[in-house]
Amino acid sequence: MSLPAVIFCAAESAAQPVAGLRLLDRLLVAAHRAGATRITVVSAVPLPRLKRTPALGITFQIASQAPTANHPVLALSTGVLVQASDLKRVIEQRGRLVKPDGTPLPVGVLDSISAAALDSQLAHRPALTAVGVAERVSDPTSAACATKKLWASLTSAADGLVDKYFNRPVGRVLFSKQLIHTPVSPNQVSVVATLIGVLAAWCFALGHATAAIWGAVLLQFSAVVDCVDGDLARVLFKESPLGKWLDLVGDQIVHLGVFVAIGVGLHRAGSTAPVLWLAGAAAVGVVISFLLVLRGLRQPETHRNSRLQKLIDATTNRDFSVLLLILAGFGRLDWFLWLTAVGVQVFWVLALGLQLQRAPGVAPHQSTS
């Protein structure tokens, strides 16, 4: 479902920076992703410099006055930060967006456009409560508040407790909020995170306690950096299929490298536990699990098992890095190998069982592969 869109541009709000992009830039991308067609920006003054809109190939028209329209149109003002998911709901339900506390926002669908102020034209539209970030922006203070809420909204379903309370906040303070002002891409960050993880594996393989602790510290640092690529991609509208695969494959390379390296390091240190066998079992389990995840990604979304996705999110977060750091400090990495060798087998068996179940609503004769 799509509608033409008209964005009423106010000079004082359109140029306000919100997490590295001008507010108008964000609204243009959000409207486009929501399905808006023939976007018109109404402005009596030159527009601020835009970054992502031209980079994404989004086209729009500029008009000094609102175009005449006798058909439904999505209308919004640059005095608000709103996300594509909420704009899509506004288009589908033909309503007016309001904040969770009921405060009306200058965003909604009009049956026609008149010369009256946008808020008054939207006054009688049915209210639709925003789910994502929806904040009025008119000056640097309100832009800073909207920016803070936008950053806070950038989470992943796979985030564990360590990601939520440590990795992601630390990554934002040290890297994300600085990198949005540089040419560094999310894909480049993904590669760096993988390389740090590989360096951590090398430390584990050296076979002595100090190197193992450094390996655990580097792995934790890799987890921090690994949160940054997703933050940059989402906040700057730089998501890409390549980025998704770099992140997914990079994680598997790090996991394989670390598990095998821990086994090699413990063997060199003279451990009496069957560490090489445990490391091999963990590595095989990682490969099988990865193949099952790939199989699941090939399925249409309507055929996917939601319980499988919840299992993947719950068991593939980065929380294990803290456990690894603690066990390295106590010189008990063999315990970690036992836990990993068993746990990864349990994961892929459960994942396979859930994949073989039909998703709700899929007829028995339909293929789910």
Protein backbone atom coordinates (compact mmCIF):
# COMPACT_ATOMS: atom_id res chain seq x y z
CA MET A 1 0.00 0.00 0.00
CA SER A 2 1.42 3.39 -0.95
CA LEU A 3 0.46 7.03 -1.16
CA PRO A 4 2.08 10.19 -2.46
CA ALA A 5 3.73 12.17 0.32
CA VAL A 6 4.12 15.86 1.05
CA ILE A 7 6.74 17.02 3.55
CA PHE A 8 6.27 20.58 4.80
CA CYS A 9 9.76 21.92 5.40
CA ALA A 10 10.49 24.41 8.17
CA ALA A 11 14.02 25.77 7.92
CA GLU A 12 14.63 25.76 11.68
CA SER A 13 13.77 22.05 12.05
CA ALA A 14 14.71 20.52 8.68
CA ALA A 15 18.42 21.18 9.17
CA GLN A 16 18.58 19.95 12.77
CA PRO A 17 21.13 17.10 13.07
CA VAL A 18 19.82 13.85 14.56
CA ALA A 19 22.47 11.14 14.98
CA GLY A 20 24.61 12.28 12.07
CA LEU A 21 21.84 13.07 9.56
CA ARG A 22 19.67 16.13 9.00
CA LEU A 23 16.08 15.66 10.09
CA LEU A 24 14.77 16.20 6.54
CA ASP A 25 17.14 13.49 5.32
CA ARG A 26 15.69 11.06 7.87
CA LEU A 27 12.11 11.91 6.97
CA LEU A 28 12.70 11.43 3.25
CA VAL A 29 14.23 7.97 3.80
CA ALA A 30 11.52 7.00 6.29
CA ALA A 31 8.72 8.09 3.94
CA HIS A 32 10.29 6.22 1.04
CA ARG A 33 10.71 3.02 3.07
CA ALA A 34 7.12 3.32 4.28
CA GLY A 35 5.95 3.11 0.67
CA ALA A 36 5.40 6.79 -0.11
CA THR A 37 5.52 7.67 -3.81
CA ARG A 38 6.01 11.00 -5.57
CA ILE A 39 7.46 12.70 -2.51
CA THR A 40 7.18 16.48 -2.60
CA VAL A 41 9.09 18.75 -0.24
CA VAL A 42 7.39 22.10 0.27
CA SER A 43 9.97 24.75 1.12
CA ALA A 44 10.37 28.45 0.49
CA VAL A 45 14.09 28.34 1.31
CA PRO A 46 16.98 26.20 0.00
CA LEU A 47 17.09 22.72 1.51
CA PRO A 48 19.91 21.60 3.81
CA ARG A 49 22.55 19.28 2.38
CA LEU A 50 21.31 15.70 2.29
CA LYS A 51 23.51 12.59 2.60
CA ARG A 52 21.50 9.37 2.59
CA THR A 53 18.60 10.39 0.34
CA PRO A 54 20.74 10.83 -2.80
CA ALA A 55 23.01 7.92 -1.81
CA LEU A 56 19.97 5.61 -1.73
CA GLY A 57 18.68 6.94 -5.05
CA ILE A 58 15.52 8.41 -3.53
CA THR A 59 13.99 11.08 -5.75
CA PHE A 60 11.67 13.88 -4.69
CA GLN A 61 10.25 17.14 -5.99
CA ILE A 62 10.68 20.58 -4.47
CA ALA A 63 7.81 23.07 -4.47
CA SER A 64 7.43 26.52 -2.95
CA GLN A 65 3.75 25.84 -2.21
CA ALA A 66 1.78 22.75 -1.33
CA PRO A 67 0.57 20.94 -4.45
CA THR A 68 -3.13 20.65 -5.09
CA ALA A 69 -4.37 17.19 -4.21
CA ASN A 70 -7.91 15.79 -4.24
CA HIS A 71 -6.84 12.31 -3.24
CA PRO A 72 -5.37 10.77 -0.06
CA VAL A 73 -1.84 11.90 0.67
CA LEU A 74 0.64 11.30 3.48
CA ALA A 75 1.42 14.68 4.99
CA LEU A 76 4.09 15.41 7.54
CA SER A 77 6.23 18.22 8.84
CA THR A 78 9.97 18.40 9.39
CA GLY A 79 9.11 19.32 12.96
CA VAL A 80 9.03 15.64 13.95
CA LEU A 81 11.30 12.61 14.03
CA VAL A 82 9.33 9.52 13.02
CA GLN A 83 10.29 6.05 11.85
CA ALA A 84 9.32 4.18 8.69
CA SER A 85 7.37 1.47 10.52
CA ASP A 86 5.01 4.05 12.02
CA LEU A 87 4.62 5.90 8.72
CA LYS A 88 3.67 2.61 7.08
CA ARG A 89 0.96 2.08 9.71
CA VAL A 90 -0.30 5.62 9.15
CA ILE A 91 -0.59 4.96 5.41
CA GLU A 92 -2.34 1.62 5.91
CA GLN A 93 -4.80 2.84 8.55
CA ARG A 94 -5.30 6.37 7.19
CA GLY A 95 -4.83 7.93 10.62
CA ARG A 96 -2.88 10.60 12.44
CA LEU A 97 0.17 9.72 14.49
CA VAL A 98 0.17 10.54 18.20
CA LYS A 99 2.76 9.91 20.92
CA PRO A 100 2.09 7.23 23.56
CA ASP A 101 0.94 9.99 25.94
CA GLY A 102 -1.65 11.14 23.37
CA THR A 103 0.24 14.22 22.15
CA PRO A 104 -0.67 14.75 18.47
CA LEU A 105 2.10 14.89 15.90
CA PRO A 106 2.16 16.62 12.48
CA VAL A 107 1.97 13.30 10.65
CA GLY A 108 -1.08 11.77 9.02
CA VAL A 109 -3.11 11.02 5.92
CA LEU A 110 -5.27 13.76 4.41
CA ASP A 111 -8.06 13.29 1.90
CA SER A 112 -7.00 16.57 0.30
CA ILE A 113 -4.58 19.40 0.98
CA SER A 114 -5.74 22.89 1.82
CA ALA A 115 -4.01 26.13 2.76
CA ALA A 116 -4.74 25.62 6.46
CA ALA A 117 -2.03 24.69 8.94
CA LEU A 118 -1.12 20.99 8.91
CA ASP A 119 -2.08 20.42 12.57
CA SER A 120 -5.56 21.82 11.97
CA GLN A 121 -6.02 19.71 8.81
CA LEU A 122 -5.13 16.59 10.79
CA ALA A 123 -7.25 17.49 13.81
CA HIS A 124 -10.14 15.14 12.96
CA ARG A 125 -8.15 12.15 11.73
CA PRO A 126 -8.31 8.97 13.83
CA ALA A 127 -5.41 8.77 16.28
CA LEU A 128 -2.75 6.11 15.79
CA THR A 129 -0.26 5.64 18.63
CA ALA A 130 3.40 5.57 17.60
CA VAL A 131 5.34 2.40 18.37
CA GLY A 132 8.79 3.61 17.36
CA VAL A 133 10.54 6.87 18.18
CA ALA A 134 8.23 9.82 17.49
CA GLU A 135 9.37 13.19 18.81
CA ARG A 136 8.74 16.80 17.91
CA VAL A 137 11.93 18.60 16.85
CA SER A 138 12.22 22.37 16.56
CA ASP A 139 15.60 23.39 18.01
CA PRO A 140 18.95 21.93 19.12
CA THR A 141 17.56 20.96 22.53
CA SER A 142 14.65 18.93 21.15
CA ALA A 143 16.95 17.48 18.45
CA ALA A 144 19.35 16.27 21.17
CA CYS A 145 16.43 14.66 23.05
CA ALA A 146 15.22 12.94 19.87
CA THR A 147 18.76 11.76 19.15
CA LYS A 148 19.05 10.20 22.60
CA LYS A 149 15.77 8.32 22.15
CA LEU A 150 16.76 7.17 18.66
CA TRP A 151 20.00 5.66 19.94
CA ALA A 152 18.14 3.95 22.80
CA SER A 153 15.73 2.35 20.32
CA LEU A 154 18.49 0.65 18.33
CA THR A 155 18.47 -2.86 19.74
CA SER A 156 18.64 -6.35 18.28
CA ALA A 157 16.44 -9.35 19.06
CA ALA A 158 19.65 -11.32 19.63
CA ASP A 159 20.95 -8.96 22.33
CA GLY A 160 21.68 -10.71 25.61
CA LEU A 161 22.09 -9.06 29.00
CA VAL A 162 25.77 -8.32 28.38
CA ASP A 163 24.98 -6.73 25.02
CA LYS A 164 22.18 -4.65 26.51
CA TYR A 165 24.00 -3.38 29.57
CA PHE A 166 27.66 -3.42 28.51
CA ASN A 167 28.67 -4.19 24.92
CA ARG A 168 26.23 -1.90 23.15
CA PRO A 169 26.43 1.09 25.56
CA VAL A 170 30.25 0.93 25.62
CA GLY A 171 30.41 0.54 21.85
CA ARG A 172 28.22 3.61 21.38
CA VAL A 173 30.27 5.80 23.69
CA LEU A 174 33.65 4.71 22.29
CA PHE A 175 32.83 4.22 18.61
CA SER A 176 29.29 4.50 17.20
CA LYS A 177 28.59 8.13 18.10
CA GLN A 178 31.96 9.16 16.65
CA LEU A 179 31.95 6.96 13.55
CA ILE A 180 28.61 8.35 12.28
CA HIS A 181 30.55 11.49 11.36
CA THR A 182 33.20 9.58 9.37
CA PRO A 183 33.27 7.60 6.10
CA VAL A 184 33.76 4.33 8.03
CA SER A 185 31.12 1.83 6.92
CA PRO A 186 29.31 -0.84 8.96
CA ASN A 187 30.91 -3.53 6.77
CA GLN A 188 34.39 -2.26 7.61
CA VAL A 189 33.52 -2.42 11.31
CA SER A 190 32.29 -6.01 10.86
CA VAL A 191 35.64 -7.00 9.35
CA VAL A 192 37.54 -5.32 12.20
CA ALA A 193 35.41 -7.13 14.80
CA THR A 194 36.17 -10.45 13.10
CA LEU A 195 39.91 -9.73 12.98
CA ILE A 196 39.94 -8.87 16.69
CA GLY A 197 38.16 -12.16 17.38
CA VAL A 198 40.75 -14.06 15.32
CA LEU A 199 43.53 -12.33 17.30
CA ALA A 200 41.79 -13.47 20.49
CA ALA A 201 41.83 -17.05 19.17
CA TRP A 202 45.57 -16.80 18.50
CA CYS A 203 46.13 -15.75 22.14
CA PHE A 204 44.15 -18.75 23.40
CA ALA A 205 46.23 -21.08 21.23
CA LEU A 206 49.53 -19.97 22.82
CA GLY A 207 48.88 -22.23 25.78
CA HIS A 208 49.70 -20.15 28.85
CA ALA A 209 47.49 -18.43 31.43
CA THR A 210 48.39 -14.81 30.71
CA ALA A 211 47.79 -15.20 26.98
CA ALA A 212 44.44 -16.87 27.69
CA ILE A 213 43.33 -13.91 29.80
CA TRP A 214 44.37 -11.54 27.02
CA GLY A 215 42.45 -13.71 24.58
CA ALA A 216 39.32 -13.42 26.71
CA VAL A 217 39.75 -9.65 26.98
CA LEU A 218 40.18 -9.34 23.20
CA LEU A 219 37.11 -11.50 22.61
CA GLN A 220 35.09 -9.21 24.87
CA PHE A 221 36.43 -6.21 22.94
CA SER A 222 35.47 -7.95 19.69
CA ALA A 223 31.92 -8.33 21.05
CA VAL A 224 31.81 -4.59 21.81
CA VAL A 225 32.95 -3.70 18.29
CA ASP A 226 30.53 -6.27 16.83
CA CYS A 227 27.64 -4.22 18.23
CA VAL A 228 28.85 -1.09 16.46
CA ASP A 229 28.28 -2.29 12.88
CA GLY A 230 24.58 -2.87 13.53
CA ASP A 231 24.22 0.49 15.24
CA LEU A 232 25.82 2.30 12.30
CA ALA A 233 23.77 0.38 9.75
CA ARG A 234 20.45 1.13 11.44
CA VAL A 235 21.04 4.73 12.49
CA LEU A 236 22.49 5.76 9.09
CA PHE A 237 20.19 3.62 6.90
CA LYS A 238 23.16 1.60 5.65
CA GLU A 239 21.72 -1.90 6.02
CA SER A 240 22.71 -4.26 3.22
CA PRO A 241 22.59 -7.99 2.38
CA LEU A 242 26.40 -8.01 2.29
CA GLY A 243 26.54 -6.52 5.77
CA LYS A 244 24.19 -9.18 7.10
CA TRP A 245 26.37 -11.97 5.68
CA LEU A 246 29.62 -10.37 6.85
CA ASP A 247 28.26 -10.23 10.37
CA LEU A 248 26.88 -13.77 10.30
CA VAL A 249 29.94 -15.40 8.73
CA GLY A 250 32.33 -13.33 10.83
CA ASP A 251 30.69 -14.58 14.02
CA GLN A 252 31.09 -18.19 12.91
CA ILE A 253 34.77 -17.67 12.04
CA VAL A 254 35.40 -16.22 15.49
CA HIS A 255 33.48 -18.97 17.29
CA LEU A 256 35.26 -21.73 15.37
CA GLY A 257 38.65 -20.11 15.87
CA VAL A 258 38.17 -19.53 19.60
CA PHE A 259 36.83 -23.01 20.38
CA VAL A 260 39.58 -24.78 18.46
CA ALA A 261 42.27 -22.44 19.82
CA ILE A 262 41.21 -23.04 23.42
CA GLY A 263 41.55 -26.79 22.84
CA VAL A 264 44.98 -26.37 21.25
CA GLY A 265 46.15 -24.04 24.02
CA LEU A 266 45.01 -26.35 26.80
CA HIS A 267 46.64 -29.31 25.05
CA ARG A 268 49.92 -27.39 24.84
CA ALA A 269 49.61 -26.53 28.54
CA GLY A 270 49.36 -30.24 29.38
CA SER A 271 45.68 -30.47 30.30
CA THR A 272 44.57 -34.02 31.17
CA ALA A 273 41.02 -33.37 29.91
CA PRO A 274 40.14 -34.55 26.37
CA VAL A 275 40.44 -30.95 25.20
CA LEU A 276 41.18 -31.64 21.52
CA TRP A 277 38.14 -33.91 21.26
CA LEU A 278 35.99 -31.34 23.03
CA ALA A 279 37.23 -28.55 20.77
CA GLY A 280 36.58 -30.70 17.71
CA ALA A 281 33.07 -31.53 18.90
CA ALA A 282 32.36 -27.84 19.51
CA ALA A 283 33.70 -26.92 16.05
CA VAL A 284 31.58 -29.58 14.32
CA GLY A 285 28.55 -28.40 16.27
CA VAL A 286 29.16 -24.81 15.17
CA VAL A 287 29.32 -25.88 11.52
CA ILE A 288 26.12 -27.93 11.76
CA SER A 289 24.35 -25.09 13.57
CA PHE A 290 25.46 -22.60 10.93
CA LEU A 291 24.18 -24.83 8.13
CA LEU A 292 20.82 -25.12 9.89
CA VAL A 293 20.62 -21.35 10.27
CA LEU A 294 21.38 -20.96 6.57
CA ARG A 295 18.66 -23.49 5.75
CA GLY A 296 16.22 -21.49 7.83
CA LEU A 297 17.16 -18.22 6.11
CA ARG A 298 16.36 -19.77 2.73
CA GLN A 299 12.77 -20.43 3.77
CA PRO A 300 10.04 -17.87 3.02
CA GLU A 301 9.16 -15.81 6.07
CA THR A 302 5.66 -17.30 6.14
CA HIS A 303 7.19 -20.79 6.52
CA ARG A 304 9.63 -19.92 9.28
CA ASN A 305 9.12 -21.23 12.79
CA SER A 306 8.94 -18.36 15.27
CA ARG A 307 10.08 -20.62 18.12
CA LEU A 308 13.21 -21.45 16.13
CA GLN A 309 14.00 -17.76 15.73
CA LYS A 310 13.54 -17.22 19.46
CA LEU A 311 15.89 -20.15 20.12
CA ILE A 312 18.51 -18.69 17.78
CA ASP A 313 18.22 -15.23 19.38
CA ALA A 314 18.46 -16.68 22.88
CA THR A 315 21.51 -18.87 22.23
CA THR A 316 23.59 -16.86 19.75
CA ASN A 317 24.11 -13.70 21.79
CA ARG A 318 27.53 -12.66 23.07
CA ASP A 319 26.93 -13.31 26.77
CA PHE A 320 29.28 -16.31 26.73
CA SER A 321 32.24 -13.92 26.40
CA VAL A 322 31.87 -12.88 30.05
CA LEU A 323 31.76 -16.50 31.20
CA LEU A 324 34.87 -17.15 29.15
CA LEU A 325 36.63 -14.17 30.71
CA ILE A 326 35.79 -15.40 34.24
CA LEU A 327 36.90 -18.97 33.56
CA ALA A 328 40.12 -17.75 31.92
CA GLY A 329 40.85 -15.75 35.06
CA PHE A 330 40.41 -18.86 37.21
CA GLY A 331 42.36 -21.08 34.81
CA ARG A 332 39.36 -23.31 34.07
CA LEU A 333 38.96 -23.00 30.32
CA ASP A 334 38.45 -26.76 30.19
CA TRP A 335 35.09 -26.20 31.90
CA PHE A 336 34.18 -23.82 29.10
CA LEU A 337 35.04 -26.44 26.49
CA TRP A 338 32.83 -29.03 28.21
CA LEU A 339 29.92 -26.57 28.33
CA THR A 340 30.41 -25.54 24.71
CA ALA A 341 30.89 -29.05 23.32
CA VAL A 342 27.66 -30.22 24.93
CA GLY A 343 25.65 -27.02 24.55
CA VAL A 344 26.21 -26.60 20.81
CA GLN A 345 25.03 -30.17 20.16
CA VAL A 346 21.86 -29.54 22.16
CA PHE A 347 21.29 -26.35 20.17
CA TRP A 348 21.50 -27.91 16.71
CA VAL A 349 19.34 -30.89 17.69
CA LEU A 350 16.63 -28.54 19.01
CA ALA A 351 17.02 -26.27 15.96
CA LEU A 352 16.65 -29.20 13.57
CA GLY A 353 13.55 -30.41 15.39
CA LEU A 354 11.93 -26.99 15.19
CA GLN A 355 12.84 -26.62 11.52
CA LEU A 356 11.14 -29.89 10.70
CA GLN A 357 7.92 -28.64 12.28
CA ARG A 358 5.50 -26.79 10.02
CA ALA A 359 5.09 -23.11 10.68
CA PRO A 360 1.54 -22.17 11.79
CA GLY A 361 -0.76 -21.71 8.81
CA VAL A 362 1.37 -23.74 6.37
CA ALA A 363 -0.61 -26.47 4.71
CA PRO A 364 0.77 -30.05 5.00
CA HIS A 365 1.36 -30.36 1.28
CA GLN A 366 3.45 -27.18 1.12
CA SER A 367 7.20 -27.56 1.15
CA THR A 368 9.04 -25.85 4.00
CA SER A 369 12.50 -26.26 2.53
